[in-house]
PDB file of N, CA and C in Angstrom:
ATOM      1  N   MET A   1      96.886  46.513 108.278  1.00  0.00           N
ATOM      2  CA  MET A   1      97.602  45.596 107.403  1.00  0.00           C
ATOM      3  C   MET A   1      98.822  44.987 108.088  1.00  0.00           C
ATOM      4  N   LYS A   2      99.117  43.827 107.896  1.00  0.00           N
ATOM      5  CA  LYS A   2     100.182  43.056 108.488  1.00  0.00           C
ATOM      6  C   LYS A   2     101.451  43.397 107.682  1.00  0.00           C
ATOM      7  N   LYS A   3     102.654  43.258 108.368  1.00  0.00           N
ATOM      8  CA  LYS A   3     103.871  43.615 107.873  1.00  0.00           C
ATOM      9  C   LYS A   3     104.121  42.831 106.636  1.00  0.00           C
ATOM     10  N   LYS A   4     103.735  41.530 106.553  1.00  0.00           N
ATOM     11  CA  LYS A   4     104.101  40.678 105.482  1.00  0.00           C
ATOM     12  C   LYS A   4     103.236  41.252 104.240  1.00  0.00           C
ATOM     13  N   GLU A   5     102.064  41.686 104.469  1.00  0.00           N
ATOM     14  CA  GLU A   5     101.325  42.305 103.338  1.00  0.00           C
ATOM     15  C   GLU A   5     101.961  43.479 102.718  1.00  0.00           C
ATOM     16  N   VAL A   6     102.487  44.458 103.574  1.00  0.00           N
ATOM     17  CA  VAL A   6     102.998  45.608 103.232  1.00  0.00           C
ATOM     18  C   VAL A   6     104.256  45.329 102.439  1.00  0.00           C
ATOM     19  N   VAL A   7     105.057  44.362 102.941  1.00  0.00           N
ATOM     20  CA  VAL A   7     106.390  43.902 102.319  1.00  0.00           C
ATOM     21  C   VAL A   7     106.054  43.366 100.863  1.00  0.00           C
ATOM     22  N   LYS A   8     104.886  42.563 100.790  1.00  0.00           N
ATOM     23  CA  LYS A   8     104.573  41.966  99.574  1.00  0.00           C
ATOM     24  C   LYS A   8     104.212  43.105  98.484  1.00  0.00           C
ATOM     25  N   ILE A   9     103.396  44.045  98.854  1.00  0.00           N
ATOM     26  CA  ILE A   9     103.033  45.180  98.135  1.00  0.00           C
ATOM     27  C   ILE A   9     104.173  45.888  97.816  1.00  0.00           C
ATOM     28  N   LEU A  10     105.158  46.302  98.586  1.00  0.00           N
ATOM     29  CA  LEU A  10     106.378  46.908  98.244  1.00  0.00           C
ATOM     30  C   LEU A  10     107.353  46.218  97.315  1.00  0.00           C
ATOM     31  N   GLU A  11     107.233  44.760  97.421  1.00  0.00           N
ATOM     32  CA  GLU A  11     108.143  44.017  96.447  1.00  0.00           C
ATOM     33  C   GLU A  11     107.446  44.060  94.995  1.00  0.00           C
ATOM     34  N   GLU A  12     106.030  43.906  95.016  1.00  0.00           N
ATOM     35  CA  GLU A  12     105.268  43.916  93.790  1.00  0.00           C
ATOM     36  C   GLU A  12     105.564  45.148  93.089  1.00  0.00           C
ATOM     37  N   ASN A  13     105.749  46.247  93.739  1.00  0.00           N
ATOM     38  CA  ASN A  13     106.012  47.723  93.112  1.00  0.00           C
ATOM     39  C   ASN A  13     107.379  47.937  92.996  1.00  0.00           C
ATOM     40  N   LYS A  14     108.296  46.911  93.208  1.00  0.00           N
ATOM     41  CA  LYS A  14     109.787  47.059  93.050  1.00  0.00           C
ATOM     42  C   LYS A  14     110.161  48.100  94.069  1.00  0.00           C
ATOM     43  N   LEU A  15     109.770  48.090  95.216  1.00  0.00           N
ATOM     44  CA  LEU A  15     110.126  49.054  96.229  1.00  0.00           C
ATOM     45  C   LEU A  15     110.695  48.388  97.482  1.00  0.00           C
ATOM     46  N   THR A  16     111.584  47.437  97.113  1.00  0.00           N
ATOM     47  CA  THR A  16     112.106  46.522  98.108  1.00  0.00           C
ATOM     48  C   THR A  16     113.175  47.182  99.121  1.00  0.00           C
ATOM     49  N   ASN A  17     113.709  48.352  98.694  1.00  0.00           N
ATOM     50  CA  ASN A  17     114.531  49.065  99.619  1.00  0.00           C
ATOM     51  C   ASN A  17     113.775  50.010 100.615  1.00  0.00           C
ATOM     52  N   ILE A  18     112.536  50.014 100.453  1.00  0.00           N
ATOM     53  CA  ILE A  18     111.813  50.817 101.423  1.00  0.00           C
ATOM     54  C   ILE A  18     111.236  50.092 102.547  1.00  0.00           C
ATOM     55  N   THR A  19     111.495  50.301 103.778  1.00  0.00           N
ATOM     56  CA  THR A  19     110.956  49.600 104.898  1.00  0.00           C
ATOM     57  C   THR A  19     109.444  50.149 105.168  1.00  0.00           C
ATOM     58  N   PRO A  20     108.648  49.412 105.894  1.00  0.00           N
ATOM     59  CA  PRO A  20     107.397  49.874 106.165  1.00  0.00           C
ATOM     60  C   PRO A  20     107.265  51.275 107.006  1.00  0.00           C
ATOM     61  N   MET A  21     108.422  51.363 107.606  1.00  0.00           N
ATOM     62  CA  MET A  21     108.506  52.810 108.535  1.00  0.00           C
ATOM     63  C   MET A  21     108.805  53.910 107.464  1.00  0.00           C
ATOM     64  N   ASP A  22     109.649  53.765 106.582  1.00  0.00           N
ATOM     65  CA  ASP A  22     109.989  54.646 105.475  1.00  0.00           C
ATOM     66  C   ASP A  22     108.734  54.899 104.649  1.00  0.00           C
ATOM     67  N   PHE A  23     107.921  53.852 104.359  1.00  0.00           N
ATOM     68  CA  PHE A  23     106.725  53.985 103.668  1.00  0.00           C
ATOM     69  C   PHE A  23     105.854  54.910 104.492  1.00  0.00           C
ATOM     70  N   LYS A  24     105.633  54.618 105.874  1.00  0.00           N
ATOM     71  CA  LYS A  24     104.691  55.538 106.632  1.00  0.00           C
ATOM     72  C   LYS A  24     105.209  56.949 106.615  1.00  0.00           C
ATOM     73  N   GLU A  25     106.503  57.197 106.921  1.00  0.00           N
ATOM     74  CA  GLU A  25     107.117  58.566 106.897  1.00  0.00           C
ATOM     75  C   GLU A  25     106.825  59.194 105.456  1.00  0.00           C
ATOM     76  N   ALA A  26     107.053  58.555 104.396  1.00  0.00           N
ATOM     77  CA  ALA A  26     106.734  59.076 103.078  1.00  0.00           C
ATOM     78  C   ALA A  26     105.273  59.483 102.943  1.00  0.00           C
ATOM     79  N   ALA A  27     104.461  58.560 103.334  1.00  0.00           N
ATOM     80  CA  ALA A  27     102.942  58.837 103.205  1.00  0.00           C
ATOM     81  C   ALA A  27     102.589  59.978 104.096  1.00  0.00           C
ATOM     82  N   ASP A  28     103.083  60.023 105.300  1.00  0.00           N
ATOM     83  CA  ASP A  28     102.796  61.157 106.205  1.00  0.00           C
ATOM     84  C   ASP A  28     103.350  62.516 105.632  1.00  0.00           C
ATOM     85  N   LYS A  29     104.564  62.444 104.967  1.00  0.00           N
ATOM     86  CA  LYS A  29     105.023  63.703 104.425  1.00  0.00           C
ATOM     87  C   LYS A  29     104.146  64.184 103.163  1.00  0.00           C
ATOM     88  N   GLU A  30     103.795  63.080 102.441  1.00  0.00           N
ATOM     89  CA  GLU A  30     102.970  63.531 101.279  1.00  0.00           C
ATOM     90  C   GLU A  30     101.535  64.092 101.609  1.00  0.00           C
ATOM     91  N   GLN A  31     101.149  63.491 102.892  1.00  0.00           N
ATOM     92  CA  GLN A  31      99.737  63.981 103.240  1.00  0.00           C
ATOM     93  C   GLN A  31      99.862  65.405 103.921  1.00  0.00           C
ATOM     94  N   LYS A  32     100.962  65.721 104.474  1.00  0.00           N
ATOM     95  CA  LYS A  32     101.290  67.103 105.003  1.00  0.00           C
ATOM     96  C   LYS A  32     101.339  67.973 103.752  1.00  0.00           C
ATOM     97  N   GLU A  33     101.942  67.647 102.613  1.00  0.00           N
ATOM     98  CA  GLU A  33     102.105  68.412 101.494  1.00  0.00           C
ATOM     99  C   GLU A  33     100.712  68.650 100.881  1.00  0.00           C
ATOM    100  N   LEU A  34      99.837  67.628 100.780  1.00  0.00           N
ATOM    101  CA  LEU A  34      98.522  67.632 100.351  1.00  0.00           C
ATOM    102  C   LEU A  34      97.821  68.586 101.176  1.00  0.00           C
ATOM    103  N   ASP A  35      97.778  68.654 102.415  1.00  0.00           N
ATOM    104  CA  ASP A  35      97.096  69.394 103.308  1.00  0.00           C
ATOM    105  C   ASP A  35      97.477  70.960 103.150  1.00  0.00           C
ATOM    106  N   GLU A  36      98.744  71.114 102.995  1.00  0.00           N
ATOM    107  CA  GLU A  36      99.101  72.622 102.734  1.00  0.00           C
ATOM    108  C   GLU A  36      98.663  73.075 101.398  1.00  0.00           C
ATOM    109  N   SER A  37      98.742  72.171 100.254  1.00  0.00           N
ATOM    110  CA  SER A  37      98.230  72.540  99.003  1.00  0.00           C
ATOM    111  C   SER A  37      96.769  72.878  99.062  1.00  0.00           C
ATOM    112  N   MET A  38      96.022  71.957  99.786  1.00  0.00           N
ATOM    113  CA  MET A  38      94.524  72.290 100.035  1.00  0.00           C
ATOM    114  C   MET A  38      94.287  73.578 100.764  1.00  0.00           C
ATOM    115  N   LYS A  39      95.048  73.940 101.629  1.00  0.00           N
ATOM    116  CA  LYS A  39      94.831  75.147 102.354  1.00  0.00           C
ATOM    117  C   LYS A  39      95.086  76.359 101.443  1.00  0.00           C
ATOM    118  N   GLU A  40      96.062  76.261 100.687  1.00  0.00           N
ATOM    119  CA  GLU A  40      96.455  77.299  99.688  1.00  0.00           C
ATOM    120  C   GLU A  40      95.407  77.452  98.585  1.00  0.00           C
ATOM    121  N   SER A  41      94.746  76.337  98.105  1.00  0.00           N
ATOM    122  CA  SER A  41      93.695  76.227  97.142  1.00  0.00           C
ATOM    123  C   SER A  41      92.549  76.909  97.813  1.00  0.00           C
ATOM    124  N   PHE A  42      92.176  76.620  99.007  1.00  0.00           N
ATOM    125  CA  PHE A  42      91.040  77.403  99.688  1.00  0.00           C
ATOM    126  C   PHE A  42      91.220  78.921  99.768  1.00  0.00           C
ATOM    127  N   ARG A  43      92.446  79.290 100.119  1.00  0.00           N
ATOM    128  CA  ARG A  43      92.806  80.665 100.288  1.00  0.00           C
ATOM    129  C   ARG A  43      92.501  81.324  98.919  1.00  0.00           C
ATOM    130  N   GLN A  44      93.105  80.688  97.834  1.00  0.00           N
ATOM    131  CA  GLN A  44      92.977  81.376  96.506  1.00  0.00           C
ATOM    132  C   GLN A  44      91.495  81.306  96.096  1.00  0.00           C
ATOM    133  N   ARG A  45      90.689  80.340  96.360  1.00  0.00           N
ATOM    134  CA  ARG A  45      89.357  80.327  95.936  1.00  0.00           C
ATOM    135  C   ARG A  45      88.518  81.484  96.780  1.00  0.00           C
ATOM    136  N   ASP A  46      88.890  81.672  98.016  1.00  0.00           N
ATOM    137  CA  ASP A  46      88.196  82.760  98.825  1.00  0.00           C
ATOM    138  C   ASP A  46      88.608  84.116  98.332  1.00  0.00           C
ATOM    139  N   GLU A  47      89.978  84.221  97.876  1.00  0.00           N
ATOM    140  CA  GLU A  47      90.323  85.493  97.283  1.00  0.00           C
ATOM    141  C   GLU A  47      89.646  85.747  95.936  1.00  0.00           C
ATOM    142  N   ARG A  48      89.375  84.717  95.082  1.00  0.00           N
ATOM    143  CA  ARG A  48      88.631  84.863  93.947  1.00  0.00           C
ATOM    144  C   ARG A  48      87.184  85.342  94.196  1.00  0.00           C
ATOM    145  N   LYS A  49      86.678  84.597  95.179  1.00  0.00           N
ATOM    146  CA  LYS A  49      85.268  84.863  95.616  1.00  0.00           C
ATOM    147  C   LYS A  49      85.084  86.347  96.105  1.00  0.00           C
ATOM    148  N   ALA A  50      85.979  86.836  96.862  1.00  0.00           N
ATOM    149  CA  ALA A  50      86.039  88.181  97.397  1.00  0.00           C
ATOM    150  C   ALA A  50      86.013  89.169  96.318  1.00  0.00           C
ATOM    151  N   LYS A  51      86.898  88.831  95.199  1.00  0.00           N
ATOM    152  CA  LYS A  51      87.010  89.704  94.009  1.00  0.00           C
ATOM    153  C   LYS A  51      85.704  89.807  93.173  1.00  0.00           C
ATOM    154  N   GLU A  52      85.026  88.495  93.111  1.00  0.00           N
ATOM    155  CA  GLU A  52      83.869  88.500  92.349  1.00  0.00           C
ATOM    156  C   GLU A  52      82.662  89.327  93.188  1.00  0.00           C
ATOM    157  N   ASP A  53      82.726  89.262  94.391  1.00  0.00           N
ATOM    158  CA  ASP A  53      81.735  89.893  95.317  1.00  0.00           C
ATOM    159  C   ASP A  53      81.921  91.502  95.087  1.00  0.00           C
ATOM    160  N   ASN A  54      83.239  91.779  95.179  1.00  0.00           N
ATOM    161  CA  ASN A  54      83.660  93.237  94.961  1.00  0.00           C
ATOM    162  C   ASN A  54      83.168  93.644  93.556  1.00  0.00           C
ATOM    163  N   LEU A  55      83.315  92.887  92.586  1.00  0.00           N
ATOM    164  CA  LEU A  55      82.883  93.302  91.229  1.00  0.00           C
ATOM    165  C   LEU A  55      81.367  93.477  91.123  1.00  0.00           C
ATOM    166  N   LYS A  56      80.614  92.729  91.737  1.00  0.00           N
ATOM    167  CA  LYS A  56      79.225  92.687  91.789  1.00  0.00           C
ATOM    168  C   LYS A  56      78.725  94.039  92.529  1.00  0.00           C
ATOM    169  N   GLU A  57      79.406  94.427  93.588  1.00  0.00           N
ATOM    170  CA  GLU A  57      79.187  95.651  94.164  1.00  0.00           C
ATOM    171  C   GLU A  57      79.477  96.903  93.269  1.00  0.00           C
ATOM    172  N   MET A  58      80.539  96.689  92.607  1.00  0.00           N
ATOM    173  CA  MET A  58      80.871  97.886  91.628  1.00  0.00           C
ATOM    174  C   MET A  58      79.936  97.810  90.575  1.00  0.00           C
ATOM    175  N   ALA A  59      79.445  96.765  90.127  1.00  0.00           N
ATOM    176  CA  ALA A  59      78.383  96.764  89.014  1.00  0.00           C
ATOM    177  C   ALA A  59      77.219  97.439  89.462  1.00  0.00           C
ATOM    178  N   LYS A  60      76.850  97.450  90.796  1.00  0.00           N
ATOM    179  CA  LYS A  60      75.666  98.155  91.242  1.00  0.00           C
ATOM    180  C   LYS A  60      75.924  99.590  91.311  1.00  0.00           C
ATOM    181  N   GLN A  61      77.142  99.946  91.544  1.00  0.00           N
ATOM    182  CA  GLN A  61      77.424 101.423  91.618  1.00  0.00           C
ATOM    183  C   GLN A  61      77.540 102.061  90.265  1.00  0.00           C
ATOM    184  N   TRP A  62      78.035 101.197  89.393  1.00  0.00           N
ATOM    185  CA  TRP A  62      78.326 101.789  87.991  1.00  0.00           C
ATOM    186  C   TRP A  62      77.630 100.867  86.947  1.00  0.00           C
ATOM    187  N   PRO A  63      76.353 101.080  86.828  1.00  0.00           N
ATOM    188  CA  PRO A  63      75.554 100.084  86.013  1.00  0.00           C
ATOM    189  C   PRO A  63      75.903 100.381  84.438  1.00  0.00           C
ATOM    190  N   GLU A  64      76.506 101.573  84.126  1.00  0.00           N
ATOM    191  CA  GLU A  64      76.829 101.783  82.776  1.00  0.00           C
ATOM    192  C   GLU A  64      77.849 101.074  82.243  1.00  0.00           C
ATOM    193  N   TYR A  65      78.770 100.415  83.049  1.00  0.00           N
ATOM    194  CA  TYR A  65      79.932  99.634  82.761  1.00  0.00           C
ATOM    195  C   TYR A  65      79.529  98.223  82.658  1.00  0.00           C
ATOM    196  N   THR A  66      80.183  97.490  81.668  1.00  0.00           N
ATOM    197  CA  THR A  66      79.910  96.046  81.587  1.00  0.00           C
ATOM    198  C   THR A  66      80.786  95.287  82.601  1.00  0.00           C
ATOM    199  N   LEU A  67      80.485  94.001  82.781  1.00  0.00           N
ATOM    200  CA  LEU A  67      81.213  93.241  83.841  1.00  0.00           C
ATOM    201  C   LEU A  67      82.786  93.086  83.297  1.00  0.00           C
ATOM    202  N   GLU A  68      82.818  93.019  82.062  1.00  0.00           N
ATOM    203  CA  GLU A  68      84.245  92.857  81.383  1.00  0.00           C
ATOM    204  C   GLU A  68      85.053  94.156  81.710  1.00  0.00           C
ATOM    205  N   GLU A  69      84.376  95.258  81.440  1.00  0.00           N
ATOM    206  CA  GLU A  69      85.100  96.548  81.740  1.00  0.00           C
ATOM    207  C   GLU A  69      85.471  96.734  83.167  1.00  0.00           C
ATOM    208  N   LEU A  70      84.630  96.298  84.079  1.00  0.00           N
ATOM    209  CA  LEU A  70      84.893  96.356  85.585  1.00  0.00           C
ATOM    210  C   LEU A  70      85.957  95.557  85.959  1.00  0.00           C
ATOM    211  N   LYS A  71      86.004  94.406  85.263  1.00  0.00           N
ATOM    212  CA  LYS A  71      87.205  93.361  85.530  1.00  0.00           C
ATOM    213  C   LYS A  71      88.495  93.977  85.106  1.00  0.00           C
ATOM    214  N   GLU A  72      88.544  94.562  83.962  1.00  0.00           N
ATOM    215  CA  GLU A  72      89.805  95.229  83.475  1.00  0.00           C
ATOM    216  C   GLU A  72      90.287  96.393  84.242  1.00  0.00           C
ATOM    217  N   GLU A  73      89.276  97.289  84.759  1.00  0.00           N
ATOM    218  CA  GLU A  73      89.591  98.285  85.638  1.00  0.00           C
ATOM    219  C   GLU A  73      90.213  97.761  86.987  1.00  0.00           C
ATOM    220  N   GLN A  74      89.562  96.670  87.429  1.00  0.00           N
ATOM    221  CA  GLN A  74      90.016  96.053  88.770  1.00  0.00           C
ATOM    222  C   GLN A  74      91.460  95.639  88.600  1.00  0.00           C
ATOM    223  N   ALA A  75      91.578  94.817  87.485  1.00  0.00           N
ATOM    224  CA  ALA A  75      93.006  94.456  87.151  1.00  0.00           C
ATOM    225  C   ALA A  75      94.064  95.527  87.099  1.00  0.00           C
ATOM    226  N   LEU A  76      93.707  96.508  86.447  1.00  0.00           N
ATOM    227  CA  LEU A  76      94.614  97.698  86.285  1.00  0.00           C
ATOM    228  C   LEU A  76      94.818  98.190  87.760  1.00  0.00           C
ATOM    229  N   ALA A  77      93.916  98.378  88.577  1.00  0.00           N
ATOM    230  CA  ALA A  77      93.974  98.861  90.023  1.00  0.00           C
ATOM    231  C   ALA A  77      94.789  97.957  90.832  1.00  0.00           C
ATOM    232  N   ASP A  78      94.696  96.708  90.624  1.00  0.00           N
ATOM    233  CA  ASP A  78      95.428  95.727  91.389  1.00  0.00           C
ATOM    234  C   ASP A  78      96.946  95.814  91.019  1.00  0.00           C
ATOM    235  N   TYR A  79      97.084  96.046  89.736  1.00  0.00           N
ATOM    236  CA  TYR A  79      98.536  96.077  89.206  1.00  0.00           C
ATOM    237  C   TYR A  79      99.075  97.438  89.790  1.00  0.00           C
ATOM    238  N   ALA A  80      98.385  98.350  89.631  1.00  0.00           N
ATOM    239  CA  ALA A  80      98.932  99.674  90.201  1.00  0.00           C
ATOM    240  C   ALA A  80      99.210  99.648  91.665  1.00  0.00           C
ATOM    241  N   GLU A  81      98.380  98.855  92.414  1.00  0.00           N
ATOM    242  CA  GLU A  81      98.504  98.821  93.830  1.00  0.00           C
ATOM    243  C   GLU A  81      99.903  97.893  94.123  1.00  0.00           C
ATOM    244  N   LYS A  82     100.099  96.961  93.330  1.00  0.00           N
ATOM    245  CA  LYS A  82     101.176  96.076  93.478  1.00  0.00           C
ATOM    246  C   LYS A  82     102.481  96.827  93.342  1.00  0.00           C
ATOM    247  N   PHE A  83     102.623  97.728  92.363  1.00  0.00           N
ATOM    248  CA  PHE A  83     103.686  98.419  92.098  1.00  0.00           C
ATOM    249  C   PHE A  83     103.833  99.877  92.559  1.00  0.00           C
ATOM    250  N   LYS A  84     102.880 100.232  93.589  1.00  0.00           N
ATOM    251  CA  LYS A  84     102.768 101.486  93.929  1.00  0.00           C
ATOM    252  C   LYS A  84     103.978 101.827  94.874  1.00  0.00           C
ATOM    253  N   ILE A  85     104.513 103.053  94.755  1.00  0.00           N
ATOM    254  CA  ILE A  85     105.712 103.467  95.406  1.00  0.00           C
ATOM    255  C   ILE A  85     105.114 103.700  96.894  1.00  0.00           C
ATOM    256  N   LYS A  86     105.877 102.998  97.878  1.00  0.00           N
ATOM    257  CA  LYS A  86     105.530 103.161  99.228  1.00  0.00           C
ATOM    258  C   LYS A  86     105.870 104.515  99.693  1.00  0.00           C
ATOM    259  N   ASP A  87     105.256 104.963 100.901  1.00  0.00           N
ATOM    260  CA  ASP A  87     105.666 106.166 101.439  1.00  0.00           C
ATOM    261  C   ASP A  87     107.086 106.289 101.708  1.00  0.00           C
ATOM    262  N   LYS A  88     107.710 107.409 101.567  1.00  0.00           N
ATOM    263  CA  LYS A  88     108.995 107.615 101.818  1.00  0.00           C
ATOM    264  C   LYS A  88     109.458 107.245 103.298  1.00  0.00           C
ATOM    265  N   VAL A  89     110.426 106.496 103.339  1.00  0.00           N
ATOM    266  CA  VAL A  89     110.918 105.979 104.605  1.00  0.00           C
ATOM    267  C   VAL A  89     111.721 107.196 105.232  1.00  0.00           C
ATOM    268  N   GLU A  90     111.632 107.254 106.607  1.00  0.00           N
ATOM    269  CA  GLU A  90     112.478 108.225 107.353  1.00  0.00           C
ATOM    270  C   GLU A  90     113.849 108.027 107.016  1.00  0.00           C
ATOM    271  N   PRO A  91     114.609 109.128 106.613  1.00  0.00           N
ATOM    272  CA  PRO A  91     116.072 108.875 106.418  1.00  0.00           C
ATOM    273  C   PRO A  91     116.821 108.586 107.707  1.00  0.00           C
ATOM    274  N   SER A  92     117.879 107.928 107.446  1.00  0.00           N
ATOM    275  CA  SER A  92     118.788 107.600 108.622  1.00  0.00           C
ATOM    276  C   SER A  92     119.537 108.750 109.083  1.00  0.00           C
ATOM    277  N   VAL A  93     120.190 108.684 110.130  1.00  0.00           N
ATOM    278  CA  VAL A  93     121.040 109.891 110.690  1.00  0.00           C
ATOM    279  C   VAL A  93     122.052 110.297 109.578  1.00  0.00           C
ATOM    280  N   SER A  94     122.884 109.260 109.158  1.00  0.00           N
ATOM    281  CA  SER A  94     123.966 109.483 108.125  1.00  0.00           C
ATOM    282  C   SER A  94     123.303 110.148 106.875  1.00  0.00           C
ATOM    283  N   GLU A  95     122.080 109.607 106.509  1.00  0.00           N
ATOM    284  CA  GLU A  95     121.548 110.354 105.269  1.00  0.00           C
ATOM    285  C   GLU A  95     121.151 111.833 105.583  1.00  0.00           C
ATOM    286  N   LYS A  96     120.688 112.057 106.834  1.00  0.00           N
ATOM    287  CA  LYS A  96     120.335 113.443 107.180  1.00  0.00           C
ATOM    288  C   LYS A  96     121.535 114.241 107.257  1.00  0.00           C
ATOM    289  N   MET A  97     122.700 113.725 107.748  1.00  0.00           N
ATOM    290  CA  MET A  97     123.985 114.614 107.679  1.00  0.00           C
ATOM    291  C   MET A  97     124.342 114.812 106.301  1.00  0.00           C
ATOM    292  N   GLN A  98     124.283 113.822 105.473  1.00  0.00           N
ATOM    293  CA  GLN A  98     124.674 113.957 104.021  1.00  0.00           C
ATOM    294  C   GLN A  98     123.899 115.105 103.374  1.00  0.00           C
ATOM    295  N   GLU A  99     122.529 114.992 103.580  1.00  0.00           N
ATOM    296  CA  GLU A  99     121.713 116.071 102.941  1.00  0.00           C
ATOM    297  C   GLU A  99     122.055 117.527 103.524  1.00  0.00           C
ATOM    298  N   GLU A 100     122.439 117.624 104.721  1.00  0.00           N
ATOM    299  CA  GLU A 100     123.041 118.851 105.162  1.00  0.00           C
ATOM    300  C   GLU A 100     124.248 119.411 104.645  1.00  0.00           C
ATOM    301  N   LEU A 101     125.134 118.364 104.275  1.00  0.00           N
ATOM    302  CA  LEU A 101     126.429 118.698 103.672  1.00  0.00           C
ATOM    303  C   LEU A 101     126.285 119.027 102.245  1.00  0.00           C
ATOM    304  N   GLU A 102     125.405 118.457 101.516  1.00  0.00           N
ATOM    305  CA  GLU A 102     125.221 118.554 100.131  1.00  0.00           C
ATOM    306  C   GLU A 102     125.120 120.002  99.488  1.00  0.00           C
ATOM    307  N   PRO A 103     124.404 120.926 100.283  1.00  0.00           N
ATOM    308  CA  PRO A 103     124.326 122.318  99.747  1.00  0.00           C
ATOM    309  C   PRO A 103     125.602 123.028  99.624  1.00  0.00           C
ATOM    310  N   LEU A 104     126.612 122.552 100.504  1.00  0.00           N
ATOM    311  CA  LEU A 104     127.837 123.397 100.535  1.00  0.00           C
ATOM    312  C   LEU A 104     128.508 123.278  99.167  1.00  0.00           C
ATOM    313  N   PRO A 105     129.074 124.471  98.704  1.00  0.00           N
ATOM    314  CA  PRO A 105     129.803 124.394  97.424  1.00  0.00           C
ATOM    315  C   PRO A 105     131.208 123.762  97.499  1.00  0.00           C
ATOM    316  N   PHE A 106     131.679 123.311  96.414  1.00  0.00           N
ATOM    317  CA  PHE A 106     133.021 122.865  96.303  1.00  0.00           C
ATOM    318  C   PHE A 106     134.056 123.877  96.435  1.00  0.00           C
ATOM    319  N   CYS A 107     134.933 123.944  97.479  1.00  0.00           N
ATOM    320  CA  CYS A 107     135.826 124.912  97.643  1.00  0.00           C
ATOM    321  C   CYS A 107     137.328 124.306  97.726  1.00  0.00           C
ATOM    322  N   PRO A 108     137.880 124.238  96.559  1.00  0.00           N
ATOM    323  CA  PRO A 108     139.286 123.673  96.602  1.00  0.00           C
ATOM    324  C   PRO A 108     140.275 124.713  97.400  1.00  0.00           C
ATOM    325  N   MET A 109     141.200 124.016  97.989  1.00  0.00           N
ATOM    326  CA  MET A 109     142.147 124.771  98.683  1.00  0.00           C
ATOM    327  C   MET A 109     143.111 125.542  97.751  1.00  0.00           C
ATOM    328  N   ALA A 110     143.379 126.779  97.937  1.00  0.00           N
ATOM    329  CA  ALA A 110     144.274 127.509  97.099  1.00  0.00           C
ATOM    330  C   ALA A 110     145.698 127.089  97.401  1.00  0.00           C
ATOM    331  N   ASP A 111     146.538 126.993  96.216  1.00  0.00           N
ATOM    332  CA  ASP A 111     147.868 126.592  96.480  1.00  0.00           C
ATOM    333  C   ASP A 111     148.636 127.967  96.495  1.00  0.00           C
ATOM    334  N   ASP A 112     148.157 129.116  96.409  1.00  0.00           N
ATOM    335  CA  ASP A 112     148.800 130.336  96.473  1.00  0.00           C
ATOM    336  C   ASP A 112     149.439 130.768  97.738  1.00  0.00           C
TER     337      ASP A 112
END
């Protein structure tokens, strides 16, 4: 496209304050956002597909359950995993010292 054609299109769309370079930069930025969105969409699709495959395997193991029951159980398991308490972290040196001091009884000094 020639510069005059681009300017004409911009003017027709009331975008006269945008130069062709600004237009290119904006288009490149939008393309980058679209690419990132597409990547995320594919990741989510793959995640859903993996869950469906997992449900099919579970259905083979437990044929007495319906697919809906298995989905509910999987949702509960996912929720529990999300909020599971992580393994206790190793206490810091100051926390260890505090734990050592805590068993000592309170002994006020006598004024006698």
